[in-house]
N, C-alpha and C. Protein backbone atom coordinates (compact mmCIF):
# COMPACT_ATOMS: atom_id res chain seq x y z
N ASP A 1 220.06 -34.51 -140.61
CA ASP A 1 221.39 -35.72 -141.08
C ASP A 1 221.31 -36.25 -139.36
N LEU A 2 221.25 -37.36 -139.51
CA LEU A 2 221.00 -38.37 -138.14
C LEU A 2 222.45 -39.44 -137.74
N ARG A 3 223.48 -38.47 -138.14
CA ARG A 3 224.68 -39.34 -138.18
C ARG A 3 224.66 -39.03 -136.62
N ALA A 4 225.75 -39.94 -135.98
CA ALA A 4 226.26 -39.69 -134.50
C ALA A 4 226.93 -38.26 -134.42
N VAL A 5 227.73 -38.08 -135.17
CA VAL A 5 228.46 -36.74 -134.92
C VAL A 5 227.56 -35.40 -134.87
N THR A 6 226.78 -35.51 -135.86
CA THR A 6 225.65 -34.55 -135.89
C THR A 6 225.15 -34.38 -134.57
N LEU A 7 224.37 -35.61 -133.96
CA LEU A 7 223.67 -35.45 -132.88
C LEU A 7 224.13 -35.38 -131.69
N ASP A 8 225.50 -35.47 -131.55
CA ASP A 8 226.49 -35.30 -130.34
C ASP A 8 226.57 -34.12 -130.61
N ASN A 9 226.96 -33.32 -131.33
CA ASN A 9 226.94 -31.92 -131.46
C ASN A 9 226.02 -31.13 -131.06
N ASP A 10 224.71 -31.56 -131.40
CA ASP A 10 223.35 -30.99 -131.18
C ASP A 10 223.13 -30.85 -129.78
N PHE A 11 223.29 -32.13 -129.30
CA PHE A 11 223.07 -32.35 -127.77
C PHE A 11 224.09 -31.84 -126.94
N ASP A 12 225.21 -31.26 -127.36
CA ASP A 12 226.47 -30.54 -126.83
C ASP A 12 225.92 -29.51 -126.84
N ARG A 13 225.41 -28.47 -127.71
CA ARG A 13 224.87 -27.13 -127.79
C ARG A 13 223.46 -27.23 -126.93
N LEU A 14 222.63 -27.91 -127.08
CA LEU A 14 221.75 -27.94 -126.28
C LEU A 14 222.01 -27.82 -124.53
N TRP A 15 222.90 -28.55 -124.24
CA TRP A 15 223.41 -28.91 -122.94
C TRP A 15 223.75 -27.53 -122.51
N MET A 16 224.67 -26.97 -123.25
CA MET A 16 225.25 -25.82 -122.94
C MET A 16 224.41 -24.91 -123.34
N ALA A 17 223.59 -24.40 -123.90
CA ALA A 17 222.77 -23.64 -123.78
C ALA A 17 221.89 -23.72 -122.46
N MET A 18 221.19 -24.85 -122.36
CA MET A 18 220.49 -25.11 -120.63
C MET A 18 221.48 -24.78 -119.57
N GLN A 19 222.71 -24.97 -119.57
CA GLN A 19 223.55 -24.54 -118.39
C GLN A 19 223.86 -22.78 -118.13
N GLN A 20 223.64 -22.18 -119.38
CA GLN A 20 223.84 -20.72 -119.27
C GLN A 20 222.47 -20.21 -118.85
N ILE A 21 221.59 -20.82 -119.50
CA ILE A 21 220.22 -20.47 -118.87
C ILE A 21 220.10 -20.64 -117.37
N PHE A 22 220.22 -21.87 -116.74
CA PHE A 22 220.71 -22.22 -115.35
C PHE A 22 221.46 -21.03 -114.48
N LEU A 23 222.82 -20.96 -114.98
CA LEU A 23 223.76 -20.20 -114.43
C LEU A 23 223.04 -18.62 -114.55
N SER A 24 222.59 -17.93 -115.49
CA SER A 24 221.89 -16.60 -115.75
C SER A 24 220.86 -16.49 -114.55
N ASP A 25 220.01 -17.77 -114.40
CA ASP A 25 219.11 -17.43 -113.40
C ASP A 25 219.23 -17.58 -112.09
N SER A 26 220.86 -18.16 -111.75
CA SER A 26 220.82 -18.29 -110.32
C SER A 26 221.53 -16.98 -109.82
N LEU A 27 222.12 -16.42 -110.62
CA LEU A 27 222.49 -14.88 -110.49
C LEU A 27 221.46 -13.66 -110.23
N SER A 28 220.25 -14.12 -110.36
CA SER A 28 219.22 -13.04 -110.08
C SER A 28 218.29 -13.01 -109.03
N LEU A 29 217.99 -12.47 -108.46
CA LEU A 29 217.00 -11.69 -107.40
C LEU A 29 215.68 -12.82 -107.64
N LYS A 30 215.30 -13.70 -106.32
CA LYS A 30 214.23 -14.61 -106.66
C LYS A 30 212.97 -14.34 -105.72
N ARG A 31 211.92 -14.56 -106.22
CA ARG A 31 210.82 -14.24 -105.71
C ARG A 31 210.00 -15.32 -105.75
N PRO A 32 209.27 -15.71 -104.51
CA PRO A 32 208.47 -16.98 -104.19
C PRO A 32 207.77 -17.21 -105.11
N LEU A 33 207.23 -18.10 -105.91
CA LEU A 33 206.01 -18.19 -106.95
C LEU A 33 204.93 -17.64 -106.17
N PHE A 34 204.21 -17.92 -104.87
CA PHE A 34 203.04 -17.50 -104.80
C PHE A 34 203.34 -16.18 -103.63
N GLY A 35 204.30 -15.19 -104.01
CA GLY A 35 204.44 -14.05 -103.55
C GLY A 35 205.38 -14.11 -102.09
N GLY A 36 205.43 -12.98 -101.72
CA GLY A 36 206.50 -12.93 -100.26
C GLY A 36 207.83 -11.86 -100.83
N ASP A 37 208.90 -12.01 -100.10
CA ASP A 37 210.23 -11.13 -100.35
C ASP A 37 211.11 -11.63 -101.15
N TYR A 38 211.38 -10.87 -101.84
CA TYR A 38 212.44 -11.37 -102.70
C TYR A 38 213.84 -12.05 -101.73
N ASP A 39 214.72 -12.98 -102.61
CA ASP A 39 215.79 -13.55 -101.98
C ASP A 39 216.95 -13.46 -102.55
N ALA A 40 218.24 -12.55 -102.42
CA ALA A 40 219.20 -12.29 -102.88
C ALA A 40 220.26 -13.67 -102.62
N HIS A 41 219.94 -14.44 -101.96
CA HIS A 41 220.58 -15.71 -101.66
C HIS A 41 222.29 -14.96 -100.89
N GLY A 42 222.12 -14.10 -100.02
CA GLY A 42 223.50 -13.53 -99.64
C GLY A 42 224.19 -12.52 -100.21
N LEU A 43 223.56 -12.39 -101.97
CA LEU A 43 224.64 -11.70 -102.89
C LEU A 43 224.26 -10.20 -102.08
N THR A 44 225.13 -9.11 -102.65
CA THR A 44 224.90 -7.73 -102.24
C THR A 44 224.04 -7.21 -103.80
N VAL A 45 223.02 -6.27 -103.32
CA VAL A 45 222.44 -5.55 -104.33
C VAL A 45 222.93 -4.19 -104.11
N THR A 46 223.73 -3.75 -105.47
CA THR A 46 224.58 -2.59 -105.53
C THR A 46 224.02 -1.77 -106.38
N ASN A 47 224.16 -0.27 -106.22
CA ASN A 47 223.73 0.60 -107.52
C ASN A 47 222.27 0.84 -107.13
N LEU A 48 221.71 1.08 -106.13
CA LEU A 48 220.71 1.27 -105.95
C LEU A 48 220.42 2.79 -105.88
N ARG A 49 219.68 3.86 -106.85
CA ARG A 49 219.36 4.76 -106.42
C ARG A 49 218.98 5.61 -105.07
N ASP A 50 218.63 6.41 -104.74
CA ASP A 50 218.31 7.34 -103.73
C ASP A 50 216.25 6.90 -103.82
N PRO A 51 216.00 6.94 -102.63
CA PRO A 51 214.60 6.57 -102.93
C PRO A 51 213.76 8.09 -103.13
N GLN A 52 213.00 7.57 -103.87
CA GLN A 52 211.59 8.66 -104.11
C GLN A 52 210.33 8.53 -103.43
N ASN A 53 209.97 7.03 -103.52
CA ASN A 53 208.84 7.01 -102.85
C ASN A 53 208.59 6.22 -101.50
N PRO A 54 207.81 6.36 -100.50
CA PRO A 54 207.84 6.09 -99.06
C PRO A 54 208.26 4.39 -98.98
N GLN A 55 207.94 3.51 -100.07
CA GLN A 55 208.30 2.08 -99.90
C GLN A 55 209.74 1.90 -100.91
N ASP A 56 210.05 2.68 -101.33
CA ASP A 56 211.47 2.32 -102.06
C ASP A 56 212.83 1.71 -101.30
N ALA A 57 213.30 1.07 -101.93
CA ALA A 57 214.69 0.57 -101.11
C ALA A 57 215.53 1.29 -101.00
N THR A 58 216.39 1.80 -99.93
CA THR A 58 217.39 2.78 -99.71
C THR A 58 218.60 2.49 -99.59
N THR A 59 219.69 2.84 -99.46
CA THR A 59 221.14 3.04 -99.59
C THR A 59 221.66 3.44 -98.14
N MET A 60 222.91 2.60 -97.80
CA MET A 60 223.47 2.84 -96.38
C MET A 60 223.74 4.49 -96.32
N ARG A 61 224.17 5.09 -97.49
CA ARG A 61 224.63 6.32 -97.81
C ARG A 61 223.57 7.15 -97.46
N TRP A 62 222.49 7.06 -98.19
CA TRP A 62 221.29 7.73 -97.86
C TRP A 62 220.70 8.12 -96.47
N VAL A 63 220.82 6.77 -95.87
CA VAL A 63 220.18 6.95 -94.51
C VAL A 63 221.18 7.65 -93.44
N GLN A 64 222.68 7.31 -93.71
CA GLN A 64 223.61 8.14 -92.86
C GLN A 64 223.39 9.59 -93.08
N LEU A 65 222.82 9.96 -94.45
CA LEU A 65 223.19 11.66 -94.66
C LEU A 65 221.69 12.39 -93.95
N GLN A 66 220.53 11.46 -93.90
CA GLN A 66 219.29 12.00 -93.37
C GLN A 66 219.61 11.65 -91.98
N TYR A 67 220.24 11.15 -91.06
CA TYR A 67 220.09 11.02 -89.93
C TYR A 67 221.55 11.39 -89.29
N ALA A 68 222.49 12.12 -89.96
CA ALA A 68 223.80 12.50 -89.71
C ALA A 68 223.54 13.96 -88.78
N ILE A 69 222.66 14.85 -89.51
CA ILE A 69 222.15 16.23 -88.82
C ILE A 69 221.49 15.92 -87.58
N PRO A 70 220.22 15.24 -87.58
CA PRO A 70 219.70 14.88 -86.25
C PRO A 70 220.34 14.29 -85.04
N ILE A 71 221.08 13.40 -85.51
CA ILE A 71 222.03 12.89 -84.35
C ILE A 71 223.22 13.83 -83.81
N GLU A 72 223.54 14.49 -84.68
CA GLU A 72 224.96 15.84 -84.46
C GLU A 72 223.89 16.53 -83.23
N GLU A 73 222.76 16.82 -83.94
CA GLU A 73 221.88 17.89 -83.14
C GLU A 73 221.55 17.55 -81.62
N ALA A 74 221.35 16.24 -81.34
CA ALA A 74 220.60 15.74 -80.58
C ALA A 74 222.10 15.39 -79.46
N LYS A 75 223.29 15.14 -80.15
CA LYS A 75 224.38 14.98 -79.19
C LYS A 75 224.64 16.26 -78.87
N GLN A 76 224.63 17.46 -79.31
CA GLN A 76 224.86 18.68 -78.90
C GLN A 76 223.82 19.07 -77.98
N ALA A 77 222.63 18.87 -77.98
CA ALA A 77 221.59 19.11 -77.23
C ALA A 77 221.96 18.38 -75.74
N ARG A 78 222.29 17.17 -75.89
CA ARG A 78 222.41 16.38 -74.62
C ARG A 78 223.84 17.21 -73.85
N ASP A 79 224.91 17.68 -74.40
CA ASP A 79 226.02 17.97 -73.92
C ASP A 79 225.50 19.38 -73.37
N GLU A 80 224.58 20.17 -73.87
CA GLU A 80 224.42 21.91 -73.39
C GLU A 80 224.10 21.25 -72.06
């Protein structure tokens, strides 16, 4: 059916689908086409698990727990 109303509705649906695709794509981590670091465009990356391998990303909490005891021991040694 090539009526104007039908074509208009079809184009509206296509346009909305394209907007949805671009919106969801804009919220994802981006990596350059030819490699390089991921870019979060200033967004926060949350809900990371604790690292298991040497090159895993880490959380602030994990780093603080790993260094809390050595830092405290260094402070005690300095004060003795």
